[in-house]
Structure formats: C-alpha cells, structure tokens
Amino acid sequence: MTIRTITLPVRGDGKGNNVLAHAALLAKRFDAHVTVLHCRPRPADLLPYGVPVPGFLRDQIMSSASGVADEEEKALRAEFTDLIAQMGLTERAPGGGVPSASWQEAPGRQIDVLKHHGRLADLIMVPKPDRDRNLGANTLRSALFASGRPVLMCPPRDGIPKTLGERIAIGWNGSIEASRAVALSMGLIESASEVTILSSGEEVHGATCEDLAAMLALRGVIARTQRFNVRGSVGDNLLDHAQTAGADMLVMGAYGDSYERETVFGGNTQAVVDHATMPVVLVH
C-alpha cells in the first residue's frame, strides 16, 4: 500500500495554499499526484430555491454568477501554477511516478463533486474548519460522508511543515471507525519512522491497542502503545498525548456518534476538529 493519488477540493476562501503545501510534502514523499479540484458553483444552483424569478432577472443573476466564477477560476488557476512551481511539483497529468499536480475544473455542488472525484482517491485533503467565520465545515463533512476515503484535515500554519507523517499517532478504541482509519491509512502508517498507539482504555468489543500493535508488527511496523487516563474530553486528551509523543500526524476514526449530535452537543471527534494544531487523518 502507498499513496498515489491525493485530491484537494478548493474554493475561493484563501485556505487552499496551506493545504496544497501539506499535499506537496506527501506528493514528494510518495511520488504521488495531487489533483486540485476547483468546485465551481453552477449559476443555476445560486437561484433562490422554490421562489419564482422573472425571466429577465434570472438571466441577469446567471450571467453575473458566471462572470464572477470565471474571474475566480482564472485567479485561482494562476495562483495554482505559481504555487506548485515553488513547491517543487511538476504540472502534468496523473501517472509517471513523479511528484506532480494538475488542475481540474469541477462544476456543481461540492458534495456531488466529492462523490464523483473523491471515492477513488487514496487521500482527500481539506483545511481545518474555521467555526468563527463559518468556513470549511461543509467541505470536511462532504469529504468524510460522501467519499468513504481517508480525509487529512490541515490546520492553518505560518510556514510549510518540516515533516508530515514521519511520526504517527493512532487514536484507538476498537471501534469500526478506528478500524477503518487504520486500514485506509496503512500506506501512511507503514512509511512512518515512529508509530504510537494511544488508547483511553475504553476499547470497543475487545480489540485492544496491544492487538493492533501485534497486527501492525505482522506488516513490519513496530508500534509502541500508550494508555492514558481521561481528564475532561477524550478528544482533547488524545491531542495532548499525540503532541507529547512527538507525532506530526494523528490518525483516528471520526463521528462514531452522529455528526449532528457531536456538532451540537460536543463529542470526541468534534473536540479534535475544533482544537487540533497538527494534521489529522479522519475516517468515518
């Protein structure tokens, strides 16, 4: 297993540069290809739903929306070309065994775009949501629930990280989501120089962190286990112990409870999404 294809959905929200910098690190490490998807809204999707609109006004709205989308695409496309050159990626079509990137225009709603383009990606990369500005939550949700693929959430940072996935922490509780996270992230896990399995001691259905370590050993991965006592939120504890372990990436299952329940009432995954300062691979 290895990483060959990385999908990165972008909108004109200014968050794509940071995610592309993270993606470039992995692309160069795995000789992978990064597909940058510009999720361009269709003018018809911007019309008010269920409200009659006079024909002349409809035409004006659609013409204006198309013009704005054209300008946004042109600016983002030029920025993409400059950025990948700075990051040492070759602009080309997928394939060839070299770290590369390509731009793809994908008209439509973001959830539909990710359904179509994300389900064959080895990894989808998105920015950490900014809850104060109400940005990015739908992108993360769509990637997690519409693709069935691992999603790497990238927190904002001032510069390009020095390492990514060299030292991995795995949040383990024996759940289906945690099991899927390990299975779908095996390419990252097997390439790491250090792997730490973190558990609060509340494994589900008897699959312990020691069981996981034994399974990884069969794949040539020597992982250490670390159990911790929970004080407050499990999610916050998980982040703290991953940081203490020196990890530069956390791998974990996501939203074992429903997304709606966790975002409204709080939950382990939502605590990680809200407070993470390191990249986190999430799998639902």
Protein backbone atom coordinates (compact mmCIF):
# COMPACT_ATOMS: atom_id res chain seq x y z
CA MET A 1 0.00 0.00 0.00
CA THR A 2 1.16 3.51 -0.75
CA ILE A 3 -0.20 6.95 -1.55
CA ARG A 4 -0.51 7.60 -5.28
CA THR A 5 -3.47 9.96 -5.66
CA ILE A 6 -4.35 12.96 -3.49
CA THR A 7 -7.49 15.02 -4.07
CA LEU A 8 -7.68 18.58 -2.84
CA PRO A 9 -11.00 20.45 -3.27
CA VAL A 10 -10.66 24.24 -3.32
CA ARG A 11 -12.98 27.22 -3.24
CA GLY A 12 -12.09 30.89 -3.23
CA ASP A 13 -11.76 31.06 0.57
CA GLY A 14 -7.99 31.58 0.83
CA LYS A 15 -7.40 28.26 2.60
CA GLY A 16 -6.13 26.21 -0.34
CA ASN A 17 -2.49 27.35 -0.18
CA ASN A 18 -1.86 25.84 3.24
CA VAL A 19 -3.46 22.53 2.26
CA LEU A 20 -1.50 22.42 -1.01
CA ALA A 21 1.73 22.91 0.94
CA HIS A 22 0.88 19.85 3.05
CA ALA A 23 -0.11 17.91 -0.07
CA ALA A 24 3.19 18.76 -1.77
CA LEU A 25 5.12 17.19 1.11
CA LEU A 26 3.25 13.91 0.72
CA ALA A 27 3.43 14.02 -3.08
CA LYS A 28 7.22 14.32 -2.98
CA ARG A 29 7.49 11.62 -0.35
CA PHE A 30 5.34 9.09 -2.22
CA ASP A 31 5.86 10.27 -5.82
CA ALA A 32 2.13 10.92 -5.79
CA HIS A 33 -0.16 13.06 -7.90
CA VAL A 34 -2.24 15.91 -6.45
CA THR A 35 -5.49 16.74 -8.22
CA VAL A 36 -6.66 20.21 -7.25
CA LEU A 37 -10.42 20.36 -7.76
CA HIS A 38 -11.96 23.77 -8.19
CA CYS A 39 -15.54 23.23 -7.04
CA ARG A 40 -17.21 25.85 -9.20
CA PRO A 41 -20.85 26.61 -8.37
CA ARG A 42 -23.24 26.39 -11.31
CA PRO A 43 -25.21 29.61 -11.85
CA ALA A 44 -28.49 27.69 -11.68
CA ASP A 45 -27.60 26.49 -8.16
CA LEU A 46 -27.45 30.12 -6.97
CA LEU A 47 -31.06 30.90 -7.83
CA PRO A 48 -33.42 31.04 -4.83
CA TYR A 49 -35.00 27.64 -4.32
CA GLY A 50 -38.78 27.47 -4.58
CA VAL A 51 -39.14 31.19 -5.34
CA PRO A 52 -40.48 32.29 -8.76
CA VAL A 53 -37.94 34.51 -10.54
CA PRO A 54 -38.84 36.63 -13.58
CA GLY A 55 -37.02 35.59 -16.73
CA PHE A 56 -35.02 38.82 -17.13
CA LEU A 57 -33.85 38.69 -13.51
CA ARG A 58 -32.96 35.02 -13.83
CA ASP A 59 -30.80 35.81 -16.85
CA GLN A 60 -29.07 38.66 -15.01
CA ILE A 61 -28.32 36.50 -11.96
CA MET A 62 -26.93 33.65 -14.05
CA SER A 63 -24.83 35.95 -16.24
CA SER A 64 -23.37 37.76 -13.23
CA ALA A 65 -22.68 34.49 -11.36
CA SER A 66 -20.95 33.02 -14.41
CA GLY A 67 -18.74 36.09 -14.78
CA VAL A 68 -17.73 36.05 -11.11
CA ALA A 69 -16.95 32.31 -11.31
CA ASP A 70 -14.81 32.87 -14.42
CA GLU A 71 -12.75 35.55 -12.69
CA GLU A 72 -12.32 33.43 -9.55
CA GLU A 73 -11.24 30.42 -11.58
CA LYS A 74 -8.73 32.49 -13.56
CA ALA A 75 -7.15 33.89 -10.39
CA LEU A 76 -7.04 30.54 -8.61
CA ARG A 77 -5.63 28.79 -11.67
CA ALA A 78 -2.78 31.31 -11.94
CA GLU A 79 -2.07 31.01 -8.21
CA PHE A 80 -2.00 27.22 -8.51
CA THR A 81 0.62 27.34 -11.28
CA ASP A 82 2.87 29.62 -9.23
CA LEU A 83 2.48 27.60 -6.03
CA ILE A 84 3.27 24.17 -7.43
CA ALA A 85 6.41 25.56 -9.07
CA GLN A 86 7.52 26.95 -5.70
CA MET A 87 6.77 23.62 -4.02
CA GLY A 88 8.72 21.51 -6.48
CA LEU A 89 5.82 19.76 -8.17
CA THR A 90 5.54 19.15 -11.91
CA GLU A 91 2.31 20.23 -13.58
CA ARG A 92 1.19 17.25 -15.61
CA ALA A 93 -1.49 14.60 -15.95
CA PRO A 94 -1.60 11.79 -13.35
CA GLY A 95 0.93 8.99 -13.73
CA GLY A 96 4.62 8.79 -14.40
CA GLY A 97 5.86 8.09 -10.90
CA VAL A 98 6.96 11.65 -10.16
CA PRO A 99 5.54 14.16 -7.67
CA SER A 100 3.07 16.11 -9.76
CA ALA A 101 -0.13 18.12 -9.70
CA SER A 102 -2.95 19.06 -12.04
CA TRP A 103 -5.86 21.49 -12.00
CA GLN A 104 -9.36 20.25 -12.68
CA GLU A 105 -12.49 22.32 -13.03
CA ALA A 106 -15.46 20.57 -11.41
CA PRO A 107 -18.79 22.42 -11.78
CA GLY A 108 -21.52 21.58 -9.29
CA ARG A 109 -22.26 21.32 -5.61
CA GLN A 110 -19.24 20.37 -3.55
CA ILE A 111 -20.86 17.24 -2.10
CA ASP A 112 -21.58 15.99 -5.64
CA VAL A 113 -18.07 16.86 -6.82
CA LEU A 114 -16.53 14.89 -3.96
CA LYS A 115 -18.81 11.94 -4.60
CA HIS A 116 -17.63 11.81 -8.19
CA HIS A 117 -13.94 12.61 -7.79
CA GLY A 118 -13.12 11.64 -4.21
CA ARG A 119 -14.11 7.99 -4.00
CA LEU A 120 -11.06 6.74 -5.92
CA ALA A 121 -8.52 8.98 -4.17
CA ASP A 122 -6.01 7.47 -1.77
CA LEU A 123 -6.34 10.60 0.35
CA ILE A 124 -8.54 13.71 0.40
CA MET A 125 -7.03 16.83 1.97
CA VAL A 126 -9.08 19.72 3.35
CA PRO A 127 -8.49 22.74 5.59
CA LYS A 128 -9.43 22.71 9.24
CA PRO A 129 -12.85 24.37 9.56
CA ASP A 130 -12.95 27.91 10.89
CA ARG A 131 -16.05 27.88 13.06
CA ASP A 132 -15.79 31.59 13.91
CA ARG A 133 -16.05 32.50 10.21
CA ASN A 134 -18.29 29.54 9.33
CA LEU A 135 -15.81 28.30 6.72
CA GLY A 136 -14.80 24.74 5.85
CA ALA A 137 -17.26 22.70 7.91
CA ASN A 138 -19.26 21.62 4.86
CA THR A 139 -16.06 20.73 2.99
CA LEU A 140 -14.90 18.43 5.78
CA ARG A 141 -18.34 16.93 6.21
CA SER A 142 -18.75 16.28 2.48
CA ALA A 143 -15.31 14.69 2.22
CA LEU A 144 -15.94 12.41 5.20
CA PHE A 145 -19.50 11.33 4.49
CA ALA A 146 -19.65 11.39 0.68
CA SER A 147 -16.38 9.70 -0.28
CA GLY A 148 -15.67 6.78 2.08
CA ARG A 149 -11.99 7.73 1.87
CA PRO A 150 -9.47 8.96 4.49
CA VAL A 151 -9.56 12.73 4.93
CA LEU A 152 -6.49 14.66 6.08
CA MET A 153 -7.51 17.86 7.89
CA CYS A 154 -4.78 20.52 7.79
CA PRO A 155 -4.72 23.22 10.50
CA PRO A 156 -3.50 26.68 9.45
CA ARG A 157 0.17 27.46 9.99
CA ASP A 158 2.62 30.22 9.08
CA GLY A 159 5.07 28.11 7.09
CA ILE A 160 5.40 24.76 5.37
CA PRO A 161 5.75 21.93 7.92
CA LYS A 162 9.15 20.23 8.02
CA THR A 163 7.69 16.72 8.31
CA LEU A 164 4.32 15.13 7.74
CA GLY A 165 3.56 11.53 8.64
CA GLU A 166 7.08 10.71 9.81
CA ARG A 167 5.82 10.18 13.36
CA ILE A 168 2.22 9.00 13.51
CA ALA A 169 -0.09 8.66 16.50
CA ILE A 170 -3.14 6.40 16.15
CA GLY A 171 -6.21 7.04 18.28
CA TRP A 172 -7.57 3.59 19.06
CA ASN A 173 -10.77 2.48 20.79
CA GLY A 174 -11.52 -0.70 18.85
CA SER A 175 -14.49 0.83 17.01
CA ILE A 176 -15.42 0.27 13.37
CA GLU A 177 -14.40 3.84 12.59
CA ALA A 178 -10.97 3.36 14.21
CA SER A 179 -10.50 0.06 12.39
CA ARG A 180 -11.34 1.68 9.04
CA ALA A 181 -8.99 4.57 9.81
CA VAL A 182 -6.08 2.17 10.32
CA ALA A 183 -6.92 0.09 7.24
CA LEU A 184 -7.35 3.06 4.90
CA SER A 185 -4.27 4.86 6.26
CA MET A 186 -1.94 1.86 6.09
CA GLY A 187 0.19 3.46 3.37
CA LEU A 188 0.95 6.34 5.72
CA ILE A 189 1.41 4.10 8.76
CA GLU A 190 3.80 1.69 7.05
CA SER A 191 6.01 4.53 5.83
CA ALA A 192 6.29 6.26 9.23
CA SER A 193 9.51 6.04 11.20
CA GLU A 194 7.62 6.08 14.54
CA VAL A 195 4.11 4.88 15.36
CA THR A 196 2.40 5.34 18.72
CA ILE A 197 -0.99 3.80 19.53
CA LEU A 198 -2.97 5.88 22.00
CA SER A 199 -5.88 4.48 23.99
CA SER A 200 -8.01 5.71 26.86
CA GLY A 201 -8.58 2.08 27.84
CA GLU A 202 -12.15 2.02 26.60
CA GLU A 203 -11.72 -0.33 23.62
CA VAL A 204 -14.95 -1.48 22.00
CA HIS A 205 -15.69 -5.19 21.53
CA GLY A 206 -12.35 -6.38 22.91
CA ALA A 207 -9.91 -5.23 20.18
CA THR A 208 -7.16 -3.67 22.32
CA CYS A 209 -4.27 -1.41 21.40
CA GLU A 210 -1.98 -4.39 22.06
CA ASP A 211 -3.97 -6.37 19.48
CA LEU A 212 -3.46 -3.55 17.00
CA ALA A 213 0.27 -3.42 17.72
CA ALA A 214 0.52 -7.18 17.08
CA MET A 215 -1.31 -6.80 13.75
CA LEU A 216 0.97 -3.95 12.67
CA ALA A 217 4.04 -5.98 13.63
CA LEU A 218 2.99 -8.57 11.05
CA ARG A 219 3.27 -5.79 8.48
CA GLY A 220 6.71 -4.77 9.67
CA VAL A 221 5.51 -1.79 11.72
CA ILE A 222 6.88 -1.68 15.28
CA ALA A 223 4.43 0.44 17.26
CA ARG A 224 4.53 1.38 20.91
CA THR A 225 1.32 1.53 22.93
CA GLN A 226 0.36 4.19 25.40
CA ARG A 227 -2.73 4.20 27.57
CA PHE A 228 -3.88 7.37 29.28
CA ASN A 229 -6.37 8.31 31.95
CA VAL A 230 -9.05 10.65 30.69
CA ARG A 231 -9.35 14.07 32.26
CA GLY A 232 -12.10 16.04 30.56
CA SER A 233 -12.63 15.44 26.85
CA VAL A 234 -11.20 12.27 25.29
CA GLY A 235 -10.55 14.23 22.10
CA ASP A 236 -8.53 16.91 23.88
CA ASN A 237 -6.62 14.22 25.81
CA LEU A 238 -5.85 12.45 22.54
CA LEU A 239 -4.41 15.64 21.03
CA ASP A 240 -2.33 16.32 24.13
CA HIS A 241 -0.83 12.81 24.21
CA ALA A 242 -0.17 12.81 20.46
CA GLN A 243 1.72 16.08 20.92
CA THR A 244 3.66 14.67 23.87
CA ALA A 245 4.56 11.59 21.82
CA GLY A 246 6.17 13.87 19.24
CA ALA A 247 3.69 12.97 16.50
CA ASP A 248 3.36 15.14 13.41
CA MET A 249 0.11 13.43 12.37
CA LEU A 250 -2.84 11.83 14.15
CA VAL A 251 -4.91 9.01 12.60
CA MET A 252 -8.36 8.31 14.06
CA GLY A 253 -11.92 7.23 13.36
CA ALA A 254 -14.46 10.03 13.10
CA TYR A 255 -18.01 10.63 14.28
CA GLY A 256 -18.94 7.32 15.85
CA ASP A 257 -21.88 9.32 17.17
CA SER A 258 -23.82 11.22 14.53
CA TYR A 259 -22.26 14.35 13.05
CA GLU A 260 -25.26 16.42 14.06
CA ARG A 261 -25.15 15.23 17.67
CA GLU A 262 -21.42 15.93 18.02
CA THR A 263 -21.53 19.39 16.44
CA VAL A 264 -24.47 20.43 18.63
CA PHE A 265 -23.66 18.70 21.91
CA GLY A 266 -19.92 18.14 21.53
CA GLY A 267 -18.04 14.88 21.17
CA ASN A 268 -14.58 13.37 20.87
CA THR A 269 -14.24 13.93 17.14
CA GLN A 270 -15.60 17.45 17.29
CA ALA A 271 -13.12 18.33 20.04
CA VAL A 272 -10.28 17.17 17.77
CA VAL A 273 -11.68 19.07 14.78
CA ASP A 274 -12.06 22.24 16.83
CA HIS A 275 -8.77 22.15 18.74
CA ALA A 276 -6.23 20.29 16.56
CA THR A 277 -2.96 22.05 15.82
CA MET A 278 -1.47 19.07 13.97
CA PRO A 279 -2.72 17.40 10.78
CA VAL A 280 -5.33 14.72 11.49
CA VAL A 281 -6.45 11.86 9.26
CA LEU A 282 -10.16 11.26 9.86
CA VAL A 283 -12.15 8.27 8.60
CA HIS A 284 -15.87 7.70 9.08
